[in-house]
Amino acid sequence: MQTAIVKYQIGSYSGKMNVLVDENNPNDVVIEKAKAQLFKEAGTTLPMENVSFTILDRIDKVRDS
């Protein structure tokens, strides 16, 4: 598992979020997971225009041995 740090911009509002992803997930899947997570947290739909997501980093989670 990895934690992806994703920056989002919605109109004039922006922020960063952590998204748990599989290390084999391509970036487009990570972005879709970030959109779904933000939708769930906001409790509403996202506007179709003026929305962008950027992956800033992907950090491997340390596995317990």
PDB file of N, CA and C in Angstrom:
ATOM      1  N   MET A   1       0.842  -1.193   0.000  1.00  0.00           N
ATOM      2  CA  MET A   1       0.000   0.000   0.000  1.00  0.00           C
ATOM      3  C   MET A   1       0.877   1.243   0.000  1.00  0.00           C
ATOM      4  N   GLN A   2       0.307   2.299  -0.541  1.00  0.00           N
ATOM      5  CA  GLN A   2       0.968   3.594  -0.565  1.00  0.00           C
ATOM      6  C   GLN A   2      -0.006   4.662  -0.117  1.00  0.00           C
ATOM      7  N   THR A   3       0.554   5.781   0.315  1.00  0.00           N
ATOM      8  CA  THR A   3      -0.231   6.980   0.538  1.00  0.00           C
ATOM      9  C   THR A   3       0.142   7.950  -0.566  1.00  0.00           C
ATOM     10  N   ALA A   4      -0.848   8.368  -1.340  1.00  0.00           N
ATOM     11  CA  ALA A   4      -0.623   9.375  -2.372  1.00  0.00           C
ATOM     12  C   ALA A   4      -1.045  10.725  -1.809  1.00  0.00           C
ATOM     13  N   ILE A   5      -0.189  11.710  -1.949  1.00  0.00           N
ATOM     14  CA  ILE A   5      -0.529  13.073  -1.554  1.00  0.00           C
ATOM     15  C   ILE A   5      -0.997  13.777  -2.818  1.00  0.00           C
ATOM     16  N   VAL A   6      -2.256  14.201  -2.798  1.00  0.00           N
ATOM     17  CA  VAL A   6      -2.887  14.765  -3.987  1.00  0.00           C
ATOM     18  C   VAL A   6      -3.319  16.198  -3.702  1.00  0.00           C
ATOM     19  N   LYS A   7      -2.958  17.103  -4.605  1.00  0.00           N
ATOM     20  CA  LYS A   7      -3.399  18.494  -4.518  1.00  0.00           C
ATOM     21  C   LYS A   7      -4.610  18.643  -5.429  1.00  0.00           C
ATOM     22  N   TYR A   8      -5.633  19.340  -4.933  1.00  0.00           N
ATOM     23  CA  TYR A   8      -6.806  19.592  -5.767  1.00  0.00           C
ATOM     24  C   TYR A   8      -7.088  21.080  -5.833  1.00  0.00           C
ATOM     25  N   GLN A   9      -7.668  21.499  -6.942  1.00  0.00           N
ATOM     26  CA  GLN A   9      -8.072  22.885  -7.165  1.00  0.00           C
ATOM     27  C   GLN A   9      -9.492  22.836  -7.707  1.00  0.00           C
ATOM     28  N   ILE A  10     -10.418  23.474  -6.990  1.00  0.00           N
ATOM     29  CA  ILE A  10     -11.816  23.546  -7.419  1.00  0.00           C
ATOM     30  C   ILE A  10     -12.190  25.020  -7.406  1.00  0.00           C
ATOM     31  N   GLY A  11     -12.219  25.622  -8.590  1.00  0.00           N
ATOM     32  CA  GLY A  11     -12.445  27.064  -8.656  1.00  0.00           C
ATOM     33  C   GLY A  11     -11.335  27.777  -7.909  1.00  0.00           C
ATOM     34  N   SER A  12     -11.692  28.611  -6.940  1.00  0.00           N
ATOM     35  CA  SER A  12     -10.684  29.337  -6.165  1.00  0.00           C
ATOM     36  C   SER A  12     -10.283  28.592  -4.892  1.00  0.00           C
ATOM     37  N   TYR A  13     -10.854  27.418  -4.646  1.00  0.00           N
ATOM     38  CA  TYR A  13     -10.571  26.639  -3.442  1.00  0.00           C
ATOM     39  C   TYR A  13      -9.558  25.546  -3.770  1.00  0.00           C
ATOM     40  N   SER A  14      -8.546  25.394  -2.918  1.00  0.00           N
ATOM     41  CA  SER A  14      -7.563  24.335  -3.139  1.00  0.00           C
ATOM     42  C   SER A  14      -7.185  23.690  -1.816  1.00  0.00           C
ATOM     43  N   GLY A  15      -6.607  22.521  -1.909  1.00  0.00           N
ATOM     44  CA  GLY A  15      -6.174  21.819  -0.716  1.00  0.00           C
ATOM     45  C   GLY A  15      -5.369  20.593  -1.090  1.00  0.00           C
ATOM     46  N   LYS A  16      -4.942  19.863  -0.072  1.00  0.00           N
ATOM     47  CA  LYS A  16      -4.202  18.616  -0.259  1.00  0.00           C
ATOM     48  C   LYS A  16      -4.905  17.527   0.525  1.00  0.00           C
ATOM     49  N   MET A  17      -4.782  16.309   0.042  1.00  0.00           N
ATOM     50  CA  MET A  17      -5.395  15.181   0.725  1.00  0.00           C
ATOM     51  C   MET A  17      -4.499  13.961   0.590  1.00  0.00           C
ATOM     52  N   ASN A  18      -4.629  13.048   1.538  1.00  0.00           N
ATOM     53  CA  ASN A  18      -3.935  11.766   1.497  1.00  0.00           C
ATOM     54  C   ASN A  18      -4.916  10.705   1.026  1.00  0.00           C
ATOM     55  N   VAL A  19      -4.470   9.887   0.068  1.00  0.00           N
ATOM     56  CA  VAL A  19      -5.316   8.841  -0.490  1.00  0.00           C
ATOM     57  C   VAL A  19      -4.556   7.522  -0.402  1.00  0.00           C
ATOM     58  N   LEU A  20      -5.168   6.506   0.211  1.00  0.00           N
ATOM     59  CA  LEU A  20      -4.547   5.181   0.265  1.00  0.00           C
ATOM     60  C   LEU A  20      -4.754   4.474  -1.068  1.00  0.00           C
ATOM     61  N   VAL A  21      -3.655   4.015  -1.664  1.00  0.00           N
ATOM     62  CA  VAL A  21      -3.718   3.361  -2.970  1.00  0.00           C
ATOM     63  C   VAL A  21      -2.794   2.154  -2.975  1.00  0.00           C
ATOM     64  N   ASP A  22      -3.004   1.294  -3.943  1.00  0.00           N
ATOM     65  CA  ASP A  22      -2.105   0.174  -4.176  1.00  0.00           C
ATOM     66  C   ASP A  22      -0.908   0.700  -4.970  1.00  0.00           C
ATOM     67  N   GLU A  23       0.272   0.183  -4.676  1.00  0.00           N
ATOM     68  CA  GLU A  23       1.460   0.670  -5.382  1.00  0.00           C
ATOM     69  C   GLU A  23       1.413   0.389  -6.878  1.00  0.00           C
ATOM     70  N   ASN A  24       0.571  -0.551  -7.305  1.00  0.00           N
ATOM     71  CA  ASN A  24       0.442  -0.875  -8.725  1.00  0.00           C
ATOM     72  C   ASN A  24      -0.597  -0.022  -9.444  1.00  0.00           C
ATOM     73  N   ASN A  25      -1.343   0.806  -8.709  1.00  0.00           N
ATOM     74  CA  ASN A  25      -2.341   1.665  -9.343  1.00  0.00           C
ATOM     75  C   ASN A  25      -1.660   2.718 -10.211  1.00  0.00           C
ATOM     76  N   PRO A  26      -2.086   2.849 -11.473  1.00  0.00           N
ATOM     77  CA  PRO A  26      -1.549   3.939 -12.292  1.00  0.00           C
ATOM     78  C   PRO A  26      -2.093   5.281 -11.795  1.00  0.00           C
ATOM     79  N   ASN A  27      -1.468   6.358 -12.220  1.00  0.00           N
ATOM     80  CA  ASN A  27      -1.841   7.683 -11.736  1.00  0.00           C
ATOM     81  C   ASN A  27      -3.293   8.046 -12.012  1.00  0.00           C
ATOM     82  N   ASP A  28      -3.855   7.615 -13.145  1.00  0.00           N
ATOM     83  CA  ASP A  28      -5.253   7.957 -13.429  1.00  0.00           C
ATOM     84  C   ASP A  28      -6.200   7.298 -12.425  1.00  0.00           C
ATOM     85  N   VAL A  29      -5.860   6.118 -11.938  1.00  0.00           N
ATOM     86  CA  VAL A  29      -6.673   5.452 -10.912  1.00  0.00           C
ATOM     87  C   VAL A  29      -6.544   6.196  -9.584  1.00  0.00           C
ATOM     88  N   VAL A  30      -5.340   6.662  -9.270  1.00  0.00           N
ATOM     89  CA  VAL A  30      -5.127   7.432  -8.042  1.00  0.00           C
ATOM     90  C   VAL A  30      -5.974   8.703  -8.074  1.00  0.00           C
ATOM     91  N   ILE A  31      -6.003   9.389  -9.208  1.00  0.00           N
ATOM     92  CA  ILE A  31      -6.805  10.614  -9.349  1.00  0.00           C
ATOM     93  C   ILE A  31      -8.288  10.299  -9.169  1.00  0.00           C
ATOM     94  N   GLU A  32      -8.770   9.212  -9.751  1.00  0.00           N
ATOM     95  CA  GLU A  32     -10.181   8.834  -9.601  1.00  0.00           C
ATOM     96  C   GLU A  32     -10.511   8.511  -8.147  1.00  0.00           C
ATOM     97  N   LYS A  33      -9.591   7.852  -7.447  1.00  0.00           N
ATOM     98  CA  LYS A  33      -9.812   7.571  -6.021  1.00  0.00           C
ATOM     99  C   LYS A  33      -9.850   8.862  -5.217  1.00  0.00           C
ATOM    100  N   ALA A  34      -8.990   9.816  -5.567  1.00  0.00           N
ATOM    101  CA  ALA A  34      -8.987  11.110  -4.877  1.00  0.00           C
ATOM    102  C   ALA A  34     -10.305  11.840  -5.111  1.00  0.00           C
ATOM    103  N   LYS A  35     -10.802  11.819  -6.347  1.00  0.00           N
ATOM    104  CA  LYS A  35     -12.089  12.461  -6.652  1.00  0.00           C
ATOM    105  C   LYS A  35     -13.211  11.819  -5.842  1.00  0.00           C
ATOM    106  N   ALA A  36     -13.229  10.488  -5.790  1.00  0.00           N
ATOM    107  CA  ALA A  36     -14.275   9.781  -5.042  1.00  0.00           C
ATOM    108  C   ALA A  36     -14.190  10.090  -3.553  1.00  0.00           C
ATOM    109  N   GLN A  37     -12.971  10.143  -3.011  1.00  0.00           N
ATOM    110  CA  GLN A  37     -12.793  10.440  -1.592  1.00  0.00           C
ATOM    111  C   GLN A  37     -13.248  11.864  -1.284  1.00  0.00           C
ATOM    112  N   LEU A  38     -12.902  12.823  -2.142  1.00  0.00           N
ATOM    113  CA  LEU A  38     -13.305  14.209  -1.915  1.00  0.00           C
ATOM    114  C   LEU A  38     -14.820  14.354  -2.026  1.00  0.00           C
ATOM    115  N   PHE A  39     -15.431  13.657  -2.989  1.00  0.00           N
ATOM    116  CA  PHE A  39     -16.882  13.665  -3.147  1.00  0.00           C
ATOM    117  C   PHE A  39     -17.548  13.145  -1.873  1.00  0.00           C
ATOM    118  N   LYS A  40     -17.017  12.054  -1.326  1.00  0.00           N
ATOM    119  CA  LYS A  40     -17.583  11.467  -0.109  1.00  0.00           C
ATOM    120  C   LYS A  40     -17.440  12.423   1.072  1.00  0.00           C
ATOM    121  N   GLU A  41     -16.271  13.045   1.211  1.00  0.00           N
ATOM    122  CA  GLU A  41     -16.035  13.973   2.317  1.00  0.00           C
ATOM    123  C   GLU A  41     -16.886  15.233   2.191  1.00  0.00           C
ATOM    124  N   ALA A  42     -17.058  15.725   0.965  1.00  0.00           N
ATOM    125  CA  ALA A  42     -17.829  16.953   0.747  1.00  0.00           C
ATOM    126  C   ALA A  42     -19.323  16.693   0.812  1.00  0.00           C
ATOM    127  N   GLY A  43     -19.734  15.470   0.498  1.00  0.00           N
ATOM    128  CA  GLY A  43     -21.148  15.128   0.522  1.00  0.00           C
ATOM    129  C   GLY A  43     -21.940  15.735  -0.616  1.00  0.00           C
ATOM    130  N   THR A  44     -21.258  16.106  -1.683  1.00  0.00           N
ATOM    131  CA  THR A  44     -21.929  16.697  -2.837  1.00  0.00           C
ATOM    132  C   THR A  44     -21.129  16.375  -4.091  1.00  0.00           C
ATOM    133  N   THR A  45     -21.701  16.661  -5.238  1.00  0.00           N
ATOM    134  CA  THR A  45     -20.989  16.431  -6.487  1.00  0.00           C
ATOM    135  C   THR A  45     -19.988  17.548  -6.729  1.00  0.00           C
ATOM    136  N   LEU A  46     -18.978  17.239  -7.517  1.00  0.00           N
ATOM    137  CA  LEU A  46     -17.975  18.233  -7.866  1.00  0.00           C
ATOM    138  C   LEU A  46     -18.362  18.889  -9.185  1.00  0.00           C
ATOM    139  N   PRO A  47     -18.084  20.177  -9.346  1.00  0.00           N
ATOM    140  CA  PRO A  47     -18.381  20.827 -10.623  1.00  0.00           C
ATOM    141  C   PRO A  47     -17.514  20.225 -11.725  1.00  0.00           C
ATOM    142  N   MET A  48     -17.993  20.257 -12.937  1.00  0.00           N
ATOM    143  CA  MET A  48     -17.256  19.669 -14.049  1.00  0.00           C
ATOM    144  C   MET A  48     -16.143  20.589 -14.555  1.00  0.00           C
ATOM    145  N   GLU A  49     -16.287  21.894 -14.373  1.00  0.00           N
ATOM    146  CA  GLU A  49     -15.288  22.828 -14.877  1.00  0.00           C
ATOM    147  C   GLU A  49     -14.432  23.367 -13.732  1.00  0.00           C
ATOM    148  N   ASN A  50     -13.261  23.826 -14.079  1.00  0.00           N
ATOM    149  CA  ASN A  50     -12.333  24.423 -13.113  1.00  0.00           C
ATOM    150  C   ASN A  50     -11.970  23.480 -11.970  1.00  0.00           C
ATOM    151  N   VAL A  51     -11.789  22.202 -12.282  1.00  0.00           N
ATOM    152  CA  VAL A  51     -11.392  21.205 -11.286  1.00  0.00           C
ATOM    153  C   VAL A  51     -10.110  20.535 -11.779  1.00  0.00           C
ATOM    154  N   SER A  52      -9.100  20.481 -10.912  1.00  0.00           N
ATOM    155  CA  SER A  52      -7.879  19.774 -11.291  1.00  0.00           C
ATOM    156  C   SER A  52      -7.313  19.032 -10.082  1.00  0.00           C
ATOM    157  N   PHE A  53      -6.663  17.925 -10.362  1.00  0.00           N
ATOM    158  CA  PHE A  53      -6.017  17.100  -9.344  1.00  0.00           C
ATOM    159  C   PHE A  53      -4.590  16.818  -9.806  1.00  0.00           C
ATOM    160  N   THR A  54      -3.634  16.920  -8.891  1.00  0.00           N
ATOM    161  CA  THR A  54      -2.231  16.663  -9.196  1.00  0.00           C
ATOM    162  C   THR A  54      -1.641  15.792  -8.095  1.00  0.00           C
ATOM    163  N   ILE A  55      -0.980  14.713  -8.486  1.00  0.00           N
ATOM    164  CA  ILE A  55      -0.307  13.856  -7.512  1.00  0.00           C
ATOM    165  C   ILE A  55       1.035  14.495  -7.175  1.00  0.00           C
ATOM    166  N   LEU A  56       1.220  14.838  -5.912  1.00  0.00           N
ATOM    167  CA  LEU A  56       2.467  15.459  -5.470  1.00  0.00           C
ATOM    168  C   LEU A  56       3.513  14.422  -5.086  1.00  0.00           C
ATOM    169  N   ASP A  57       3.072  13.310  -4.487  1.00  0.00           N
ATOM    170  CA  ASP A  57       4.012  12.296  -4.016  1.00  0.00           C
ATOM    171  C   ASP A  57       3.269  10.994  -3.775  1.00  0.00           C
ATOM    172  N   ARG A  58       4.010   9.898  -3.848  1.00  0.00           N
ATOM    173  CA  ARG A  58       3.489   8.581  -3.480  1.00  0.00           C
ATOM    174  C   ARG A  58       4.478   7.981  -2.500  1.00  0.00           C
ATOM    175  N   ILE A  59       4.000   7.664  -1.298  1.00  0.00           N
ATOM    176  CA  ILE A  59       4.869   7.205  -0.220  1.00  0.00           C
ATOM    177  C   ILE A  59       4.519   5.763   0.118  1.00  0.00           C
ATOM    178  N   ASP A  60       5.527   4.895   0.060  1.00  0.00           N
ATOM    179  CA  ASP A  60       5.314   3.493   0.431  1.00  0.00           C
ATOM    180  C   ASP A  60       5.055   3.393   1.920  1.00  0.00           C
ATOM    181  N   LYS A  61       4.043   2.608   2.280  1.00  0.00           N
ATOM    182  CA  LYS A  61       3.747   2.368   3.689  1.00  0.00           C
ATOM    183  C   LYS A  61       4.646   1.234   4.159  1.00  0.00           C
ATOM    184  N   VAL A  62       5.154   1.361   5.361  1.00  0.00           N
ATOM    185  CA  VAL A  62       6.007   0.322   5.944  1.00  0.00           C
ATOM    186  C   VAL A  62       5.121  -0.839   6.362  1.00  0.00           C
ATOM    187  N   ARG A  63       5.488  -2.019   5.908  1.00  0.00           N
ATOM    188  CA  ARG A  63       4.707  -3.213   6.250  1.00  0.00           C
ATOM    189  C   ARG A  63       5.192  -3.781   7.574  1.00  0.00           C
ATOM    190  N   ASP A  64       4.237  -4.230   8.381  1.00  0.00           N
ATOM    191  CA  ASP A  64       4.594  -4.894   9.637  1.00  0.00           C
ATOM    192  C   ASP A  64       5.171  -6.269   9.319  1.00  0.00           C
ATOM    193  N   SER A  65       6.230  -6.646  10.043  1.00  0.00           N
ATOM    194  CA  SER A  65       6.807  -7.972   9.786  1.00  0.00           C
ATOM    195  C   SER A  65       6.487  -8.942  10.876  1.00  0.00           C
TER     196      SER A  65
END
